[in-house]
Protein backbone atom coordinates (compact mmCIF):
# COMPACT_ATOMS: atom_id res chain seq x y z
CA MET A 1 -165.11 66.01 11.78
CA PRO A 2 -162.26 66.61 9.73
CA GLU A 3 -161.56 69.39 7.29
CA TYR A 4 -161.03 67.66 4.08
CA ILE A 5 -158.65 69.53 1.52
CA ASP A 6 -160.41 70.12 -2.07
CA ASP A 7 -159.83 67.00 -3.84
CA ALA A 8 -159.05 69.06 -6.68
CA THR A 9 -155.46 69.77 -5.04
CA PHE A 10 -154.80 66.08 -4.29
CA GLY A 11 -152.42 65.78 -7.01
CA ASP A 12 -150.49 68.61 -6.28
CA TYR A 13 -149.10 67.28 -3.32
CA PHE A 14 -147.51 64.37 -5.72
CA ARG A 15 -146.13 67.04 -7.93
CA GLU A 16 -144.83 69.61 -5.28
CA PHE A 17 -142.67 67.53 -2.51
CA GLU A 18 -139.06 68.06 -2.16
CA HIS A 19 -137.83 64.72 -1.34
CA THR A 20 -139.95 61.85 0.09
CA ALA A 21 -143.63 60.92 -0.55
CA TRP A 22 -144.48 57.67 1.53
CA ARG A 23 -147.54 56.26 2.49
CA LEU A 24 -148.48 53.25 4.92
CA GLU A 25 -151.89 51.54 3.88
CA THR A 26 -153.74 49.74 6.06
CA ARG A 27 -157.25 48.89 4.06
CA ARG A 28 -158.29 45.41 3.23
CA GLY A 29 -159.40 46.74 -0.21
CA TYR A 30 -160.57 49.94 -1.74
CA ALA A 31 -163.72 50.63 -3.46
CA SER A 32 -162.42 52.65 -6.21
CA ASP A 33 -159.95 49.34 -6.64
CA ARG A 34 -162.88 47.01 -6.88
CA ALA A 35 -164.77 49.09 -9.34
CA SER A 36 -162.13 49.43 -11.93
CA GLU A 37 -161.99 47.71 -14.86
CA ARG A 38 -158.58 46.22 -14.13
CA PHE A 39 -159.84 44.79 -11.15
CA ALA A 40 -162.28 42.99 -12.95
CA ARG A 41 -159.59 41.35 -15.20
CA PHE A 42 -157.90 40.25 -12.35
CA ALA A 43 -160.94 38.50 -10.51
CA THR A 44 -161.19 36.82 -14.06
CA GLY A 45 -157.87 35.22 -13.42
CA GLU A 46 -155.73 37.61 -16.10
CA THR A 47 -152.56 38.08 -15.10
CA LEU A 48 -151.92 41.48 -14.56
CA GLY A 49 -148.34 43.01 -16.31
CA VAL A 50 -147.55 46.97 -16.26
CA SER A 51 -150.45 49.69 -17.05
CA PRO A 52 -149.02 53.00 -17.51
CA SER A 53 -151.10 55.46 -15.91
CA ALA A 54 -150.87 58.99 -15.11
CA TRP A 55 -149.98 58.30 -11.80
CA SER A 56 -147.18 55.83 -12.91
CA ALA A 57 -145.86 58.92 -15.38
CA ASN A 58 -145.69 61.00 -12.51
CA ILE A 59 -143.80 58.42 -10.20
CA GLU A 60 -141.45 58.18 -13.09
CA ALA A 61 -141.29 62.17 -13.31
CA GLN A 62 -140.37 62.70 -9.46
CA VAL A 63 -138.17 59.96 -9.54
CA ARG A 64 -135.94 61.41 -12.45
CA GLU A 65 -135.68 64.31 -10.44
CA GLY A 66 -134.59 62.21 -7.67
CA LYS A 67 -137.17 62.16 -5.32
CA ARG A 68 -138.13 59.16 -3.57
CA ILE A 69 -142.05 57.71 -3.28
CA GLU A 70 -142.18 54.69 -1.04
CA ARG A 71 -145.28 52.86 0.14
CA VAL A 72 -146.12 49.72 3.05
CA ARG A 73 -149.11 48.03 2.42
CA LEU A 74 -150.35 45.78 5.79
CA VAL A 75 -151.72 42.61 4.23
CA ASP A 76 -153.84 40.06 5.99
CA ASP A 77 -153.38 36.02 6.56
CA PRO A 78 -154.85 34.85 4.05
CA PRO A 79 -154.67 38.01 2.07
CA THR A 80 -158.15 39.46 0.91
CA ASP A 81 -158.80 39.69 -3.00
CA GLY A 82 -157.94 43.57 -2.71
CA GLN A 83 -154.99 42.68 -1.00
CA ARG A 84 -154.07 40.36 -3.68
CA PHE A 85 -154.92 42.64 -6.60
CA LEU A 86 -152.90 45.32 -4.85
CA LEU A 87 -149.72 42.96 -4.52
CA MET A 88 -150.28 41.85 -8.13
CA SER A 89 -150.83 45.11 -9.91
CA ALA A 90 -148.18 46.83 -7.98
CA VAL A 91 -145.94 45.68 -10.90
CA THR A 92 -146.82 49.34 -12.84
CA ASN A 93 -145.59 51.19 -10.08
CA ILE A 94 -142.70 49.43 -8.99
CA ALA A 95 -141.86 49.90 -12.88
CA ALA A 96 -142.37 53.52 -12.67
CA GLY A 97 -139.64 53.73 -9.95
CA GLU A 98 -142.04 53.78 -6.52
CA ASP A 99 -140.38 51.08 -3.46
CA ILE A 100 -143.52 49.43 -2.52
CA ARG A 101 -143.11 46.98 0.32
CA ASN A 102 -145.39 44.93 2.50
CA MET A 103 -146.22 43.46 5.85
CA TRP A 104 -148.15 40.97 7.73
CA ARG A 105 -151.26 42.79 9.42
CA ALA A 106 -150.17 40.73 12.47
CA ASP A 107 -146.74 41.66 12.76
CA ALA A 108 -147.77 45.50 12.50
CA GLU A 109 -150.14 44.91 14.94
CA LYS A 110 -147.14 43.65 17.36
CA ARG A 111 -145.41 46.56 16.34
CA GLY A 112 -148.14 49.48 17.45
CA LEU A 113 -148.40 50.06 14.11
CA PRO A 114 -151.81 52.45 13.59
CA ALA A 115 -154.26 51.02 11.45
CA GLU A 116 -154.43 54.80 9.18
CA ASP A 117 -153.86 55.32 5.67
CA PHE A 118 -151.91 58.43 5.09
CA TRP A 119 -149.18 59.94 3.14
CA LEU A 120 -146.25 61.80 4.74
CA PHE A 121 -144.39 64.32 2.95
CA ASP A 122 -141.20 65.37 2.86
CA SER A 123 -141.43 64.41 7.01
CA ARG A 124 -143.16 67.74 7.29
CA ARG A 125 -146.94 67.05 6.39
CA ALA A 126 -149.26 64.67 5.70
CA LEU A 127 -152.47 63.56 3.98
CA LEU A 128 -154.24 61.43 6.29
CA LEU A 129 -156.97 59.49 4.23
CA HIS A 130 -160.57 58.65 5.35
CA PHE A 131 -162.72 55.69 4.52
CA ASP A 132 -166.20 54.53 5.24
CA GLU A 133 -167.35 51.10 6.37
CA SER A 134 -167.61 50.12 2.39
CA ASP A 135 -164.16 51.21 1.53
CA GLU A 136 -165.32 54.28 -0.31
CA TYR A 137 -163.03 57.22 -0.11
CA LEU A 138 -164.38 60.23 1.91
CA GLY A 139 -161.60 62.52 1.85
CA ALA A 140 -157.85 63.66 2.38
CA GLU A 141 -157.02 65.66 6.09
CA LEU A 142 -154.25 68.15 5.61
CA VAL A 143 -151.90 67.31 9.01
CA GLU A 144 -148.97 70.04 9.89
CA ASP A 145 -149.31 69.89 13.47
CA PRO A 146 -145.56 68.87 14.22
CA ALA A 147 -146.34 66.47 17.42
CA ARG A 148 -148.76 64.43 14.45
CA ILE A 149 -145.88 64.79 12.03
CA VAL A 150 -143.64 63.29 14.21
CA ARG A 151 -145.85 60.29 14.74
CA TYR A 152 -146.18 59.87 11.65
CA CYS A 153 -142.32 59.71 10.93
CA ARG A 154 -142.14 57.24 13.79
CA VAL A 155 -144.64 55.00 12.09
CA ARG A 156 -142.66 55.12 8.62
CA ASP A 157 -139.64 54.20 10.43
CA ALA A 158 -140.96 51.46 12.10
CA ALA A 159 -142.96 50.22 9.04
CA TRP A 160 -140.22 50.58 6.78
CA HIS A 161 -137.77 48.70 9.17
CA TYR A 162 -139.82 45.60 8.85
CA ALA A 163 -141.77 45.66 5.54
CA VAL A 164 -140.23 43.68 2.69
CA ARG A 165 -140.22 43.95 -1.22
CA ARG A 166 -143.08 42.42 -2.78
CA GLU A 167 -140.99 40.14 -4.75
CA GLU A 168 -140.25 38.62 -1.22
CA PHE A 169 -143.66 38.89 0.07
CA VAL A 170 -145.46 37.25 -2.91
CA GLU A 171 -143.10 34.52 -2.24
CA GLN A 172 -144.21 34.27 1.66
CA VAL A 173 -147.96 34.35 0.36
CA ARG A 174 -147.36 31.51 -2.22
CA SER A 175 -145.44 29.34 1.02
CA ARG A 176 -148.14 29.80 3.04
CA VAL A 177 -151.08 28.54 0.56
């Protein structure tokens, strides 16, 4: 059983990193998204514009300091409702300065990328995110073991190399419909 960090400290990692915060998102959806008012609006067909939040305000603050926040999201073909929601709602984080890219799950599997959600901070520590079968967040495991960090760095490098910017990916999704 993994040892989880105190969730009260989760946000500290996103204020205290020095250079880069990078995430790999591999789930087909997140229970917290499905329970949100924003997801309910998305489900009715409402267009999701930029919607500032505490998260986007922190992204703006970190980017102003010269830090980078990036992520790669794996997407099924066809995308799940949860993945389509993330693709549409990404505009808020991108407007705040986060670089979000996407990659087809089949391409990720061909390249041997793991089905793990994690944040990597400054290539020296990671938070491995744990979820149950209903996509409920269980907790985050702090990883500082050098061998595991090197593995996460290699995953980041491969994913980033093959992932494409949101705008280009949206066009790929549209062309497959």
